[in-house]
């Protein structure tokens, strides 16, 4: 292997490792990242949307959180492929897998909240918004 080829492969692996690390920090797989990374990103996204309409803050924050997790999963996938594989990636397949896995994680989190396995601190909710009013009720409640 030539010196230029070796340097190209080395740079590709370093770049892939950095992408993977950044993705891991944004992904739902990193349990401590929310306070430092995801929630500020989500809050900022909700804040920007609230400038268009004040009612969009909470929905924008939830969408921003979901998007930050989605970007994290996609960055992890791209980084891992760059480090471990010598083939081109299928961006559509990577995007589809990222959307599906992030959506599954979101649905799981909502289910854990709905079945009262996880609780949302009420101090995080502003005004008269009630998350329970958005979630379907389980029979017998």
C-alpha atoms as a PDB file:
ATOM      1  CA  UNK A   1       0.000   0.000   0.000  1.00  0.00           C
ATOM      2  CA  UNK A   2       1.310   3.432  -0.876  1.00  0.00           C
ATOM      3  CA  UNK A   3       1.940   6.160   1.682  1.00  0.00           C
ATOM      4  CA  UNK A   4      -0.936   8.250   0.226  1.00  0.00           C
ATOM      5  CA  UNK A   5      -3.338   5.295   0.414  1.00  0.00           C
ATOM      6  CA  UNK A   6      -2.347   4.589   4.013  1.00  0.00           C
ATOM      7  CA  UNK A   7      -2.845   8.249   4.976  1.00  0.00           C
ATOM      8  CA  UNK A   8      -6.257   8.303   3.288  1.00  0.00           C
ATOM      9  CA  UNK A   9      -7.388   5.195   5.182  1.00  0.00           C
ATOM     10  CA  UNK A  10      -5.997   6.540   8.460  1.00  0.00           C
ATOM     11  CA  UNK A  11      -7.741   9.906   8.006  1.00  0.00           C
ATOM     12  CA  UNK A  12     -10.985   8.110   7.120  1.00  0.00           C
ATOM     13  CA  UNK A  13     -10.806   6.051  10.322  1.00  0.00           C
ATOM     14  CA  UNK A  14      -9.994   9.075  12.490  1.00  0.00           C
ATOM     15  CA  UNK A  15     -12.886  11.003  10.939  1.00  0.00           C
ATOM     16  CA  UNK A  16     -15.175   8.001  11.412  1.00  0.00           C
ATOM     17  CA  UNK A  17     -14.147   7.698  15.062  1.00  0.00           C
ATOM     18  CA  UNK A  18     -14.872  11.368  15.676  1.00  0.00           C
ATOM     19  CA  UNK A  19     -18.269  11.098  13.952  1.00  0.00           C
ATOM     20  CA  UNK A  20     -19.078   8.006  16.007  1.00  0.00           C
ATOM     21  CA  UNK A  21     -18.099   9.744  19.269  1.00  0.00           C
ATOM     22  CA  UNK A  22     -20.171  12.834  18.454  1.00  0.00           C
ATOM     23  CA  UNK A  23     -23.100  10.633  17.449  1.00  0.00           C
ATOM     24  CA  UNK A  24     -22.844   8.649  20.662  1.00  0.00           C
ATOM     25  CA  UNK A  25     -23.010  11.870  22.676  1.00  0.00           C
ATOM     26  CA  UNK A  26     -26.209  12.881  20.872  1.00  0.00           C
ATOM     27  CA  UNK A  27     -27.788   9.416  20.747  1.00  0.00           C
ATOM     28  CA  UNK A  28     -30.175   7.832  23.240  1.00  0.00           C
ATOM     29  CA  UNK A  29     -27.474   5.233  23.973  1.00  0.00           C
ATOM     30  CA  UNK A  30     -25.537   7.710  26.104  1.00  0.00           C
ATOM     31  CA  UNK A  31     -27.510   7.886  29.354  1.00  0.00           C
ATOM     32  CA  UNK A  32     -25.984  11.085  30.776  1.00  0.00           C
ATOM     33  CA  UNK A  33     -26.003  13.199  27.607  1.00  0.00           C
ATOM     34  CA  UNK A  34     -29.477  14.684  27.857  1.00  0.00           C
ATOM     35  CA  UNK A  35     -28.662  17.386  30.390  1.00  0.00           C
ATOM     36  CA  UNK A  36     -25.492  18.488  28.603  1.00  0.00           C
ATOM     37  CA  UNK A  37     -26.350  18.025  24.911  1.00  0.00           C
ATOM     38  CA  UNK A  38     -29.855  16.964  23.940  1.00  0.00           C
ATOM     39  CA  UNK A  39     -32.007  19.114  26.203  1.00  0.00           C
ATOM     40  CA  UNK A  40     -30.215  22.384  25.367  1.00  0.00           C
ATOM     41  CA  UNK A  41     -30.481  21.537  21.651  1.00  0.00           C
ATOM     42  CA  UNK A  42     -34.150  20.623  22.060  1.00  0.00           C
ATOM     43  CA  UNK A  43     -34.876  23.748  24.115  1.00  0.00           C
ATOM     44  CA  UNK A  44     -33.143  25.920  21.504  1.00  0.00           C
ATOM     45  CA  UNK A  45     -35.174  24.302  18.730  1.00  0.00           C
ATOM     46  CA  UNK A  46     -38.398  24.884  20.686  1.00  0.00           C
ATOM     47  CA  UNK A  47     -37.355  28.463  21.425  1.00  0.00           C
ATOM     48  CA  UNK A  48     -36.761  29.238  17.751  1.00  0.00           C
ATOM     49  CA  UNK A  49     -40.138  27.730  16.812  1.00  0.00           C
ATOM     50  CA  UNK A  50     -41.857  29.665  19.615  1.00  0.00           C
ATOM     51  CA  UNK A  51     -40.782  32.874  17.876  1.00  0.00           C
ATOM     52  CA  UNK A  52     -43.023  31.838  14.975  1.00  0.00           C
ATOM     53  CA  UNK A  53     -45.894  30.884  17.283  1.00  0.00           C
ATOM     54  CA  UNK A  54     -45.769  30.815  21.106  1.00  0.00           C
ATOM     55  CA  UNK A  55     -47.856  27.639  21.144  1.00  0.00           C
ATOM     56  CA  UNK A  56     -45.112  25.731  19.311  1.00  0.00           C
ATOM     57  CA  UNK A  57     -42.571  25.793  22.138  1.00  0.00           C
ATOM     58  CA  UNK A  58     -43.366  22.438  23.763  1.00  0.00           C
ATOM     59  CA  UNK A  59     -43.966  20.635  20.462  1.00  0.00           C
ATOM     60  CA  UNK A  60     -40.791  22.151  19.048  1.00  0.00           C
ATOM     61  CA  UNK A  61     -38.821  21.070  22.107  1.00  0.00           C
ATOM     62  CA  UNK A  62     -40.081  17.504  21.756  1.00  0.00           C
ATOM     63  CA  UNK A  63     -39.319  17.529  18.019  1.00  0.00           C
ATOM     64  CA  UNK A  64     -35.857  18.992  18.703  1.00  0.00           C
ATOM     65  CA  UNK A  65     -35.131  16.242  21.231  1.00  0.00           C
ATOM     66  CA  UNK A  66     -36.220  13.569  18.780  1.00  0.00           C
ATOM     67  CA  UNK A  67     -34.167  15.127  15.991  1.00  0.00           C
ATOM     68  CA  UNK A  68     -31.039  15.375  18.162  1.00  0.00           C
ATOM     69  CA  UNK A  69     -31.339  11.661  18.952  1.00  0.00           C
ATOM     70  CA  UNK A  70     -31.907  10.884  15.274  1.00  0.00           C
ATOM     71  CA  UNK A  71     -28.824  12.857  14.236  1.00  0.00           C
ATOM     72  CA  UNK A  72     -26.828  11.047  16.927  1.00  0.00           C
ATOM     73  CA  UNK A  73     -27.842   7.622  15.652  1.00  0.00           C
ATOM     74  CA  UNK A  74     -27.064   8.595  12.062  1.00  0.00           C
ATOM     75  CA  UNK A  75     -23.638   9.990  13.019  1.00  0.00           C
ATOM     76  CA  UNK A  76     -22.855   6.767  14.876  1.00  0.00           C
ATOM     77  CA  UNK A  77     -23.805   4.715  11.825  1.00  0.00           C
ATOM     78  CA  UNK A  78     -21.743   6.841   9.438  1.00  0.00           C
ATOM     79  CA  UNK A  79     -18.767   6.815  11.815  1.00  0.00           C
ATOM     80  CA  UNK A  80     -18.866   3.060  12.349  1.00  0.00           C
ATOM     81  CA  UNK A  81     -19.075   2.424   8.612  1.00  0.00           C
ATOM     82  CA  UNK A  82     -16.081   4.699   7.981  1.00  0.00           C
ATOM     83  CA  UNK A  83     -14.020   2.940  10.660  1.00  0.00           C
ATOM     84  CA  UNK A  84     -14.916  -0.696   9.994  1.00  0.00           C
ATOM     85  CA  UNK A  85     -15.971  -0.971   6.347  1.00  0.00           C
ATOM     86  CA  UNK A  86     -14.211  -0.164   3.117  1.00  0.00           C
ATOM     87  CA  UNK A  87     -17.399   0.168   1.104  1.00  0.00           C
ATOM     88  CA  UNK A  88     -19.649   3.082   0.278  1.00  0.00           C
ATOM     89  CA  UNK A  89     -22.711   3.501   2.442  1.00  0.00           C
ATOM     90  CA  UNK A  90     -26.326   3.682   1.369  1.00  0.00           C
ATOM     91  CA  UNK A  91     -27.492   7.046   2.708  1.00  0.00           C
ATOM     92  CA  UNK A  92     -31.192   6.247   2.184  1.00  0.00           C
ATOM     93  CA  UNK A  93     -30.885   3.002   4.119  1.00  0.00           C
ATOM     94  CA  UNK A  94     -28.925   4.727   6.913  1.00  0.00           C
ATOM     95  CA  UNK A  95     -31.521   7.495   7.145  1.00  0.00           C
ATOM     96  CA  UNK A  96     -34.417   5.033   7.177  1.00  0.00           C
ATOM     97  CA  UNK A  97     -32.769   2.947   9.910  1.00  0.00           C
ATOM     98  CA  UNK A  98     -32.068   6.065  11.969  1.00  0.00           C
ATOM     99  CA  UNK A  99     -35.663   7.284  11.688  1.00  0.00           C
ATOM    100  CA  UNK A 100     -37.079   3.864  12.573  1.00  0.00           C
ATOM    101  CA  UNK A 101     -34.802   3.325  15.586  1.00  0.00           C
ATOM    102  CA  UNK A 102     -35.307   6.865  16.934  1.00  0.00           C
ATOM    103  CA  UNK A 103     -39.048   6.583  16.523  1.00  0.00           C
ATOM    104  CA  UNK A 104     -39.043   3.229  18.330  1.00  0.00           C
ATOM    105  CA  UNK A 105     -37.067   4.786  21.188  1.00  0.00           C
ATOM    106  CA  UNK A 106     -39.543   7.690  21.379  1.00  0.00           C
ATOM    107  CA  UNK A 107     -42.542   5.344  21.415  1.00  0.00           C
ATOM    108  CA  UNK A 108     -40.874   3.286  24.163  1.00  0.00           C
ATOM    109  CA  UNK A 109     -40.251   6.412  26.260  1.00  0.00           C
ATOM    110  CA  UNK A 110     -43.875   7.546  25.845  1.00  0.00           C
ATOM    111  CA  UNK A 111     -45.113   4.063  26.809  1.00  0.00           C
ATOM    112  CA  UNK A 112     -42.934   4.065  29.945  1.00  0.00           C
ATOM    113  CA  UNK A 113     -44.383   7.452  30.890  1.00  0.00           C
ATOM    114  CA  UNK A 114     -47.946   6.366  30.119  1.00  0.00           C
ATOM    115  CA  UNK A 115     -47.675   3.224  32.262  1.00  0.00           C
ATOM    116  CA  UNK A 116     -46.101   5.330  35.028  1.00  0.00           C
ATOM    117  CA  UNK A 117     -42.795   3.451  34.990  1.00  0.00           C
ATOM    118  CA  UNK A 118     -41.100   6.804  34.325  1.00  0.00           C
ATOM    119  CA  UNK A 119     -42.325  10.131  35.646  1.00  0.00           C
ATOM    120  CA  UNK A 120     -41.904  13.590  34.167  1.00  0.00           C
ATOM    121  CA  UNK A 121     -41.171  16.269  36.771  1.00  0.00           C
ATOM    122  CA  UNK A 122     -44.110  18.669  36.688  1.00  0.00           C
ATOM    123  CA  UNK A 123     -41.760  21.598  37.244  1.00  0.00           C
ATOM    124  CA  UNK A 124     -40.539  21.121  33.646  1.00  0.00           C
ATOM    125  CA  UNK A 125     -43.979  21.782  32.239  1.00  0.00           C
ATOM    126  CA  UNK A 126     -45.007  25.399  31.882  1.00  0.00           C
ATOM    127  CA  UNK A 127     -48.483  26.853  32.146  1.00  0.00           C
ATOM    128  CA  UNK A 128     -51.565  24.709  31.905  1.00  0.00           C
ATOM    129  CA  UNK A 129     -50.122  22.086  29.588  1.00  0.00           C
ATOM    130  CA  UNK A 130     -50.810  18.530  30.730  1.00  0.00           C
ATOM    131  CA  UNK A 131     -48.878  15.725  29.020  1.00  0.00           C
ATOM    132  CA  UNK A 132     -51.452  13.214  30.226  1.00  0.00           C
ATOM    133  CA  UNK A 133     -54.099  14.906  28.066  1.00  0.00           C
ATOM    134  CA  UNK A 134     -52.089  13.992  24.948  1.00  0.00           C
ATOM    135  CA  UNK A 135     -51.585  10.327  25.828  1.00  0.00           C
ATOM    136  CA  UNK A 136     -54.291   7.673  25.499  1.00  0.00           C
ATOM    137  CA  UNK A 137     -55.615   6.316  28.755  1.00  0.00           C
ATOM    138  CA  UNK A 138     -55.243   2.691  29.786  1.00  0.00           C
ATOM    139  CA  UNK A 139     -58.517   0.972  30.636  1.00  0.00           C
ATOM    140  CA  UNK A 140     -59.162   0.773  34.342  1.00  0.00           C
ATOM    141  CA  UNK A 141     -57.672   4.148  35.239  1.00  0.00           C
END
